[in-house]
Amino acid sequence: MINFDNSATSFPKPKSVQLAADSVFRRYGGNPGHGGHRLAQETAEKVYEVRELAAEMFAAEPENVIFTANCTLALNMAIKGMMQYGGHMIISDLEHNAVFRPVYALAKTRRVTFSAAHIYDDDEQTLEEIRRLIRSDTRCICCTAASNVTGRIVPFEKIGRLCKSYGICFIADAAQAAGLIDIGLDSGINFLCTSGHKALYGPSGTGMLITDGEYALSTIIEGGTGATSEDPEQTPFYPEKLESGTVNTAGIAGLGAGIKEVKRRTATGIFKAEKELCRQFSRGLSDIDGVKLYTCKKSVPIVSFNIGEYSSQAVSARLSDKGFALRGGLHCAPLAHRSIGTENQGTVRFSPGIYSTKEQVNALIKAVRDVSHEINSGR
């Protein structure tokens, strides 16, 4: 099976990631931060090493790198932690349900209101749209850095500067951006939320919430932290404040190896190689009968397409039968599909990874051509 669904989770993983995760079961078997014996201390040192790697990549302090189970949890912690006591917030019309659903839930049950800004092709028009929606009670702006449907790169640096000028918190969903483009707290972001298992090449079950410390979050989870155990109140300082319970040590160790691999190859180098595969794929699909492409000028390496009015999920199922993994449907992002007019059909999404090759892309193009012929001939 050839994986072209790396936007969901990257596969295969680098050998170094496999070895790093495995090392936990062989060596780092203590509970980091939950014991004073050598085994716990060595494991804690391993976890801290990964905090330092992530802090360097995203322009943060190590203690402000909080490990989570995934990007969705990180976003929930940031959104609900900021908006627990009500107010207004702004999201974009490209958001994944990891943003839209917690915001919608807050709007239903608490004193929270929200507005959805349209992301235009023109960045300045997008900024003006966001500025227009800012109100006196706007507490934060939360938006994706790159769409998981079209790959559209949102002008997050300009949004960051806009937030600074208004004194508004900026939460960025970097799930599709981290590891592919230069993004960090130095972009004006207050809370950067990301998965660890996509373009950072860590294991599944890893994510991060990274903060600049400017805004204090109310907790949505409390429990054992290994620190201030005598106090019934949750530990007040990071990362322990937001890391109740035992962290995913094996996943974190693997994530550290993934970050090192990205650093070795460079995000710029990975982006360039994967974008070239996207251009090759788009060119190959351009003359196939009935194929429609959904592209934008500024995007991470993602190509969404459909074949006529045929179900995107049915197309991806046919491609799966031919040995290719692509995702069809709404990609958990109904707002984005409504924005591009595919809310009833979804799209088939092509997203290469660091191990994807030109030969594999050519084989996929042939498979799409065959599927199009089958559909058009009524088979």
Protein backbone atom coordinates (compact mmCIF):
# COMPACT_ATOMS: atom_id res chain seq x y z
CA MET A 1 0.00 0.00 0.00
CA ILE A 2 1.46 3.36 -1.05
CA ASN A 3 0.56 6.07 1.45
CA PHE A 4 -0.47 9.43 0.01
CA ASP A 5 -2.47 10.35 3.11
CA ASN A 6 0.37 11.86 5.11
CA SER A 7 -1.81 14.81 6.13
CA ALA A 8 -3.75 12.37 8.31
CA THR A 9 -0.62 10.72 9.67
CA SER A 10 2.80 10.25 8.12
CA PHE A 11 3.82 6.73 7.16
CA PRO A 12 6.26 5.11 6.98
CA LYS A 13 8.10 6.64 9.93
CA PRO A 14 11.87 7.20 9.87
CA LYS A 15 13.90 4.32 11.27
CA SER A 16 15.24 6.66 13.94
CA VAL A 17 11.70 7.24 15.21
CA GLN A 18 11.07 3.52 15.50
CA LEU A 19 14.33 3.01 17.40
CA ALA A 20 13.73 5.95 19.74
CA ALA A 21 10.24 4.74 20.67
CA ASP A 22 11.55 1.21 21.17
CA SER A 23 14.34 2.47 23.45
CA VAL A 24 11.74 3.45 26.05
CA PHE A 25 10.67 -0.16 26.44
CA ARG A 26 14.29 -1.22 26.80
CA ARG A 27 15.79 1.62 28.86
CA TYR A 28 13.56 4.55 29.80
CA GLY A 29 10.99 2.67 31.86
CA GLY A 30 10.48 5.12 34.71
CA ASN A 31 7.64 7.59 35.20
CA PRO A 32 9.13 11.02 34.37
CA GLY A 33 8.63 13.55 37.15
CA HIS A 34 6.89 10.98 39.35
CA GLY A 35 9.80 9.60 41.37
CA GLY A 36 13.23 10.47 42.70
CA HIS A 37 14.95 7.20 41.76
CA ARG A 38 17.42 6.93 38.89
CA LEU A 39 15.03 5.21 36.47
CA ALA A 40 12.49 8.04 36.78
CA GLN A 41 15.21 10.68 36.57
CA GLU A 42 16.75 9.24 33.38
CA THR A 43 13.34 9.04 31.77
CA ALA A 44 12.57 12.63 32.81
CA GLU A 45 15.85 13.73 31.23
CA LYS A 46 14.86 12.03 27.98
CA VAL A 47 11.50 13.79 27.97
CA TYR A 48 13.15 17.14 28.74
CA GLU A 49 15.55 16.64 25.83
CA VAL A 50 12.53 16.52 23.50
CA ARG A 51 11.07 19.66 25.14
CA GLU A 52 14.33 21.41 24.27
CA LEU A 53 14.19 20.19 20.65
CA ALA A 54 10.60 21.40 20.27
CA ALA A 55 11.38 24.70 22.00
CA GLU A 56 14.23 25.35 19.58
CA MET A 57 12.05 24.54 16.56
CA PHE A 58 9.13 26.73 17.65
CA ALA A 59 10.97 29.64 19.36
CA ALA A 60 9.78 28.76 22.86
CA GLU A 61 11.13 28.04 26.31
CA PRO A 62 11.38 24.31 27.15
CA GLU A 63 9.12 24.60 30.20
CA ASN A 64 6.41 26.10 27.96
CA VAL A 65 6.27 22.99 25.76
CA ILE A 66 3.34 20.87 26.96
CA PHE A 67 2.94 17.35 25.59
CA THR A 68 -0.58 16.23 24.70
CA ALA A 69 -2.19 13.17 23.12
CA ASN A 70 -2.81 15.02 19.84
CA CYS A 71 -3.42 18.44 18.34
CA THR A 72 -7.14 18.21 19.09
CA LEU A 73 -6.50 18.01 22.83
CA ALA A 74 -4.02 20.89 22.63
CA LEU A 75 -6.59 23.05 20.83
CA ASN A 76 -9.33 22.16 23.32
CA MET A 77 -7.04 23.08 26.21
CA ALA A 78 -6.13 26.42 24.64
CA ILE A 79 -9.63 27.37 23.48
CA LYS A 80 -11.51 26.31 26.58
CA GLY A 81 -8.76 27.56 28.87
CA MET A 82 -8.95 31.02 27.30
CA MET A 83 -12.72 31.21 26.88
CA GLN A 84 -13.91 29.53 30.09
CA TYR A 85 -15.37 32.75 31.44
CA GLY A 86 -17.00 33.89 28.22
CA GLY A 87 -16.44 36.51 25.55
CA HIS A 88 -16.15 36.64 21.79
CA MET A 89 -13.69 34.85 19.57
CA ILE A 90 -12.92 34.69 15.87
CA ILE A 91 -12.17 31.58 13.83
CA SER A 92 -11.75 31.13 10.08
CA ASP A 93 -13.98 29.37 7.56
CA LEU A 94 -11.21 26.82 6.89
CA GLU A 95 -11.19 25.31 10.38
CA HIS A 96 -10.92 21.65 11.22
CA ASN A 97 -13.51 20.32 13.66
CA ALA A 98 -10.74 20.31 16.28
CA VAL A 99 -11.35 24.07 16.41
CA PHE A 100 -14.94 24.38 15.25
CA ARG A 101 -16.49 21.81 17.59
CA PRO A 102 -15.06 23.06 20.89
CA VAL A 103 -15.95 26.62 19.88
CA TYR A 104 -19.47 25.52 18.94
CA ALA A 105 -19.80 23.62 22.23
CA LEU A 106 -18.77 26.73 24.18
CA ALA A 107 -21.26 28.82 22.23
CA LYS A 108 -24.06 26.38 23.14
CA THR A 109 -23.34 26.01 26.82
CA ARG A 110 -21.54 29.15 27.98
CA ARG A 111 -21.43 32.88 27.44
CA VAL A 112 -19.22 32.54 24.36
CA THR A 113 -19.98 33.94 20.92
CA PHE A 114 -17.92 33.52 17.77
CA SER A 115 -17.54 34.80 14.23
CA ALA A 116 -16.06 32.95 11.25
CA ALA A 117 -13.83 35.02 8.96
CA HIS A 118 -13.66 34.15 5.29
CA ILE A 119 -10.12 33.42 4.06
CA TYR A 120 -9.68 35.17 0.73
CA ASP A 121 -7.03 34.47 -1.90
CA ASP A 122 -5.66 37.91 -1.09
CA ASP A 123 -3.98 38.13 2.33
CA GLU A 124 -4.77 41.80 2.86
CA GLN A 125 -8.43 41.17 2.16
CA THR A 126 -8.34 38.35 4.71
CA LEU A 127 -6.78 40.65 7.33
CA GLU A 128 -9.38 43.31 6.68
CA GLU A 129 -12.13 40.71 7.13
CA ILE A 130 -10.69 39.65 10.48
CA ARG A 131 -10.23 43.27 11.59
CA ARG A 132 -13.86 43.97 10.73
CA LEU A 133 -15.01 41.16 13.03
CA ILE A 134 -13.03 42.30 16.09
CA ARG A 135 -15.26 43.56 18.89
CA SER A 136 -14.66 45.10 22.29
CA ASP A 137 -15.21 41.70 23.94
CA THR A 138 -13.07 39.69 21.50
CA ARG A 139 -10.70 37.62 23.65
CA CYS A 140 -8.93 35.51 21.06
CA ILE A 141 -8.51 34.59 17.42
CA CYS A 142 -8.03 30.91 16.65
CA CYS A 143 -7.27 29.74 13.15
CA THR A 144 -5.43 27.13 11.18
CA ALA A 145 -2.01 28.00 9.81
CA ALA A 146 -2.65 25.76 6.78
CA SER A 147 -5.88 24.13 5.63
CA ASN A 148 -6.05 20.35 5.71
CA VAL A 149 -8.34 20.41 2.66
CA THR A 150 -6.68 22.73 0.14
CA GLY A 151 -3.38 23.33 1.92
CA ARG A 152 -4.04 27.09 1.89
CA ILE A 153 -1.43 28.84 4.04
CA VAL A 154 -3.21 31.47 6.12
CA PRO A 155 -1.24 34.71 6.74
CA PHE A 156 -0.59 33.77 10.36
CA GLU A 157 2.31 36.18 10.84
CA LYS A 158 0.14 39.13 9.82
CA ILE A 159 -2.69 37.85 11.98
CA GLY A 160 -0.21 37.60 14.85
CA ARG A 161 0.77 41.25 14.44
CA LEU A 162 -2.90 42.23 14.23
CA CYS A 163 -3.62 40.38 17.48
CA LYS A 164 -0.70 42.10 19.20
CA SER A 165 -1.95 45.51 18.14
CA TYR A 166 -5.40 44.79 19.65
CA GLY A 167 -4.16 42.92 22.73
CA ILE A 168 -5.96 39.76 21.63
CA CYS A 169 -4.73 36.20 22.23
CA PHE A 170 -3.75 34.25 19.10
CA ILE A 171 -4.17 30.46 19.01
CA ALA A 172 -2.75 28.74 15.91
CA ASP A 173 -3.58 25.24 14.69
CA ALA A 174 -0.25 24.16 13.16
CA ALA A 175 -1.18 20.52 12.54
CA GLN A 176 -0.61 20.85 8.78
CA ALA A 177 2.15 23.45 9.01
CA ALA A 178 4.62 22.24 11.63
CA GLY A 179 7.57 20.56 9.94
CA LEU A 180 6.79 22.05 6.54
CA ILE A 181 6.93 25.82 6.97
CA ASP A 182 8.70 28.17 9.37
CA ILE A 183 6.23 28.79 12.19
CA GLY A 184 6.74 29.55 15.86
CA LEU A 185 5.94 31.84 18.74
CA ASP A 186 8.07 34.51 17.09
CA SER A 187 5.26 34.78 14.52
CA GLY A 188 3.09 36.54 17.11
CA ILE A 189 1.42 33.29 18.20
CA ASN A 190 0.54 32.92 21.90
CA PHE A 191 -0.51 29.27 21.78
CA LEU A 192 0.81 27.02 19.04
CA CYS A 193 -1.00 23.68 18.86
CA THR A 194 0.30 20.86 16.71
CA SER A 195 0.21 17.13 16.19
CA GLY A 196 3.42 15.17 16.49
CA HIS A 197 2.54 12.40 14.07
CA LYS A 198 2.09 14.28 10.80
CA ALA A 199 4.97 16.29 9.25
CA LEU A 200 7.01 15.98 12.45
CA TYR A 201 7.08 12.21 11.86
CA GLY A 202 6.51 11.19 15.47
CA PRO A 203 4.30 8.28 16.57
CA SER A 204 0.52 8.49 16.76
CA GLY A 205 -0.79 9.73 20.09
CA THR A 206 1.55 12.71 20.23
CA GLY A 207 0.86 16.43 20.12
CA MET A 208 2.01 19.67 21.71
CA LEU A 209 0.61 22.86 23.17
CA ILE A 210 3.35 25.50 23.11
CA THR A 211 2.86 28.85 24.83
CA ASP A 212 4.74 32.10 25.17
CA GLY A 213 3.40 32.45 28.71
CA GLU A 214 1.62 35.75 28.09
CA TYR A 215 -1.85 34.36 28.82
CA ALA A 216 -2.74 32.08 31.73
CA LEU A 217 -4.98 29.14 30.82
CA SER A 218 -7.67 27.79 33.06
CA THR A 219 -7.22 24.02 33.30
CA ILE A 220 -9.69 21.53 31.88
CA ILE A 221 -7.83 18.52 33.39
CA GLU A 222 -6.43 18.24 36.89
CA GLY A 223 -4.54 15.45 38.61
CA GLY A 224 -1.17 14.06 39.55
CA THR A 225 1.82 16.05 38.36
CA GLY A 226 4.61 14.86 40.63
CA ALA A 227 4.97 18.44 41.89
CA THR A 228 3.18 20.31 44.72
CA SER A 229 1.53 17.00 45.65
CA GLU A 230 0.55 18.31 49.10
CA ASP A 231 -1.66 21.03 47.59
CA PRO A 232 -5.26 20.28 46.49
CA GLU A 233 -4.92 22.99 43.87
CA GLN A 234 -3.48 22.04 40.49
CA THR A 235 0.25 22.72 40.13
CA PRO A 236 0.40 26.40 39.01
CA PHE A 237 3.44 26.33 36.72
CA TYR A 238 4.16 24.90 33.27
CA PRO A 239 4.50 22.27 31.97
CA GLU A 240 3.09 20.39 34.99
CA LYS A 241 -0.01 22.60 35.15
CA LEU A 242 -1.26 21.15 31.87
CA GLU A 243 0.34 17.70 32.04
CA SER A 244 -1.68 15.79 34.62
CA GLY A 245 -0.92 12.08 34.81
CA THR A 246 1.75 10.05 33.06
CA VAL A 247 2.94 11.34 29.69
CA ASN A 248 3.37 9.18 26.59
CA THR A 249 7.09 8.58 27.09
CA ALA A 250 7.55 6.27 24.10
CA GLY A 251 5.64 8.63 21.83
CA ILE A 252 7.60 11.64 23.07
CA ALA A 253 10.93 9.89 22.50
CA GLY A 254 9.83 9.02 18.97
CA LEU A 255 8.65 12.58 18.41
CA GLY A 256 12.09 13.84 19.40
CA ALA A 257 13.66 11.62 16.74
CA GLY A 258 11.10 12.90 14.21
CA ILE A 259 11.98 16.52 15.01
CA LYS A 260 15.67 15.68 14.55
CA GLU A 261 14.88 14.14 11.15
CA VAL A 262 13.00 17.26 10.06
CA LYS A 263 15.88 19.40 11.29
CA ARG A 264 18.36 17.26 9.34
CA ARG A 265 16.38 17.46 6.10
CA THR A 266 15.15 21.03 6.85
CA ALA A 267 11.51 22.06 6.58
CA THR A 268 12.38 24.07 3.47
CA GLY A 269 13.91 21.03 1.79
CA ILE A 270 10.95 18.80 2.67
CA PHE A 271 8.46 21.43 1.52
CA LYS A 272 10.24 21.90 -1.82
CA ALA A 273 10.42 18.17 -2.56
CA GLU A 274 6.79 17.50 -1.64
CA LYS A 275 5.50 20.54 -3.53
CA GLU A 276 7.25 19.27 -6.66
CA LEU A 277 5.39 15.97 -6.28
CA CYS A 278 2.14 17.93 -5.94
CA ARG A 279 2.91 19.85 -9.15
CA GLN A 280 3.67 16.56 -10.92
CA PHE A 281 0.39 15.10 -9.69
CA SER A 282 -1.64 18.19 -10.67
CA ARG A 283 -0.11 18.22 -14.15
CA GLY A 284 -0.87 14.53 -14.56
CA LEU A 285 -4.51 15.00 -13.58
CA SER A 286 -5.06 18.10 -15.72
CA ASP A 287 -5.98 16.18 -18.89
CA ILE A 288 -8.02 13.40 -17.28
CA ASP A 289 -11.68 13.59 -18.24
CA GLY A 290 -13.92 14.89 -15.45
CA VAL A 291 -11.20 15.67 -12.92
CA LYS A 292 -11.55 18.93 -11.03
CA LEU A 293 -8.67 20.28 -8.93
CA TYR A 294 -9.05 22.52 -5.86
CA THR A 295 -5.81 24.47 -5.59
CA CYS A 296 -4.56 27.79 -4.25
CA LYS A 297 -1.41 29.86 -4.75
CA LYS A 298 0.00 29.64 -1.22
CA SER A 299 -0.33 26.11 0.11
CA VAL A 300 1.42 23.29 1.92
CA PRO A 301 1.87 20.08 -0.13
CA ILE A 302 -1.77 19.02 -0.49
CA VAL A 303 -3.86 18.51 -3.64
CA SER A 304 -7.62 17.96 -3.42
CA PHE A 305 -9.61 16.74 -6.42
CA ASN A 306 -12.86 15.13 -7.55
CA ILE A 307 -13.97 13.11 -10.56
CA GLY A 308 -17.18 14.64 -11.88
CA GLU A 309 -20.00 14.42 -9.35
CA TYR A 310 -18.87 11.00 -8.15
CA SER A 311 -18.53 10.42 -4.41
CA SER A 312 -15.05 11.33 -3.20
CA GLN A 313 -15.19 8.47 -0.70
CA ALA A 314 -16.06 6.02 -3.48
CA VAL A 315 -13.12 7.31 -5.56
CA SER A 316 -10.71 6.88 -2.64
CA ALA A 317 -12.09 3.36 -2.08
CA ARG A 318 -11.39 2.47 -5.72
CA LEU A 319 -7.88 3.88 -5.43
CA SER A 320 -7.39 1.86 -2.25
CA ASP A 321 -8.29 -1.28 -4.18
CA LYS A 322 -5.51 -0.35 -6.60
CA GLY A 323 -2.98 0.01 -3.77
CA PHE A 324 -3.05 3.74 -2.96
CA ALA A 325 -4.05 5.37 0.33
CA LEU A 326 -5.78 8.74 -0.19
CA ARG A 327 -8.49 10.21 1.97
CA GLY A 328 -11.93 10.96 0.60
CA GLY A 329 -14.76 12.84 2.29
CA LEU A 330 -14.95 16.01 4.37
CA HIS A 331 -11.63 15.48 6.23
CA CYS A 332 -13.30 16.57 9.50
CA ALA A 333 -13.43 20.11 8.07
CA PRO A 334 -16.99 20.90 6.93
CA LEU A 335 -16.40 24.66 7.14
CA ALA A 336 -13.56 24.43 4.61
CA HIS A 337 -15.66 22.34 2.23
CA ARG A 338 -18.53 24.78 2.52
CA SER A 339 -16.05 27.53 1.65
CA ILE A 340 -14.94 25.83 -1.60
CA GLY A 341 -18.39 24.44 -2.46
CA THR A 342 -17.77 20.73 -1.88
CA GLU A 343 -19.81 20.22 1.29
CA ASN A 344 -22.03 17.58 -0.41
CA GLN A 345 -19.26 15.68 -2.18
CA GLY A 346 -16.10 16.22 -0.19
CA THR A 347 -12.80 15.78 -2.03
CA VAL A 348 -10.12 13.19 -2.54
CA ARG A 349 -6.93 14.42 -0.87
CA PHE A 350 -3.40 13.70 -2.04
CA SER A 351 -0.65 14.46 0.49
CA PRO A 352 2.86 13.06 -0.08
CA GLY A 353 5.56 12.50 2.53
CA ILE A 354 9.34 12.39 2.74
CA TYR A 355 9.48 8.87 1.32
CA SER A 356 7.14 9.50 -1.63
CA THR A 357 8.70 9.18 -5.11
CA LYS A 358 8.02 10.44 -8.62
CA GLU A 359 7.50 6.86 -9.76
CA GLN A 360 4.79 6.36 -7.15
CA VAL A 361 3.07 9.57 -8.24
CA ASN A 362 3.13 8.46 -11.89
CA ALA A 363 1.58 5.15 -10.88
CA LEU A 364 -1.15 7.02 -8.96
CA ILE A 365 -1.87 9.26 -11.94
CA LYS A 366 -2.43 6.13 -14.05
CA ALA A 367 -4.71 4.72 -11.36
CA VAL A 368 -6.79 7.93 -11.27
CA ARG A 369 -7.02 7.80 -15.07
CA ASP A 370 -8.24 4.21 -14.87
CA VAL A 371 -10.81 5.06 -12.18
CA SER A 372 -12.08 7.99 -14.25
CA HIS A 373 -12.48 5.71 -17.27
CA GLU A 374 -14.32 3.13 -15.15
CA ILE A 375 -16.69 5.77 -13.78
CA ASN A 376 -17.34 7.38 -17.17
CA SER A 377 -18.00 3.99 -18.76
CA GLY A 378 -20.47 3.09 -16.01
CA ARG A 379 -18.42 0.35 -14.39
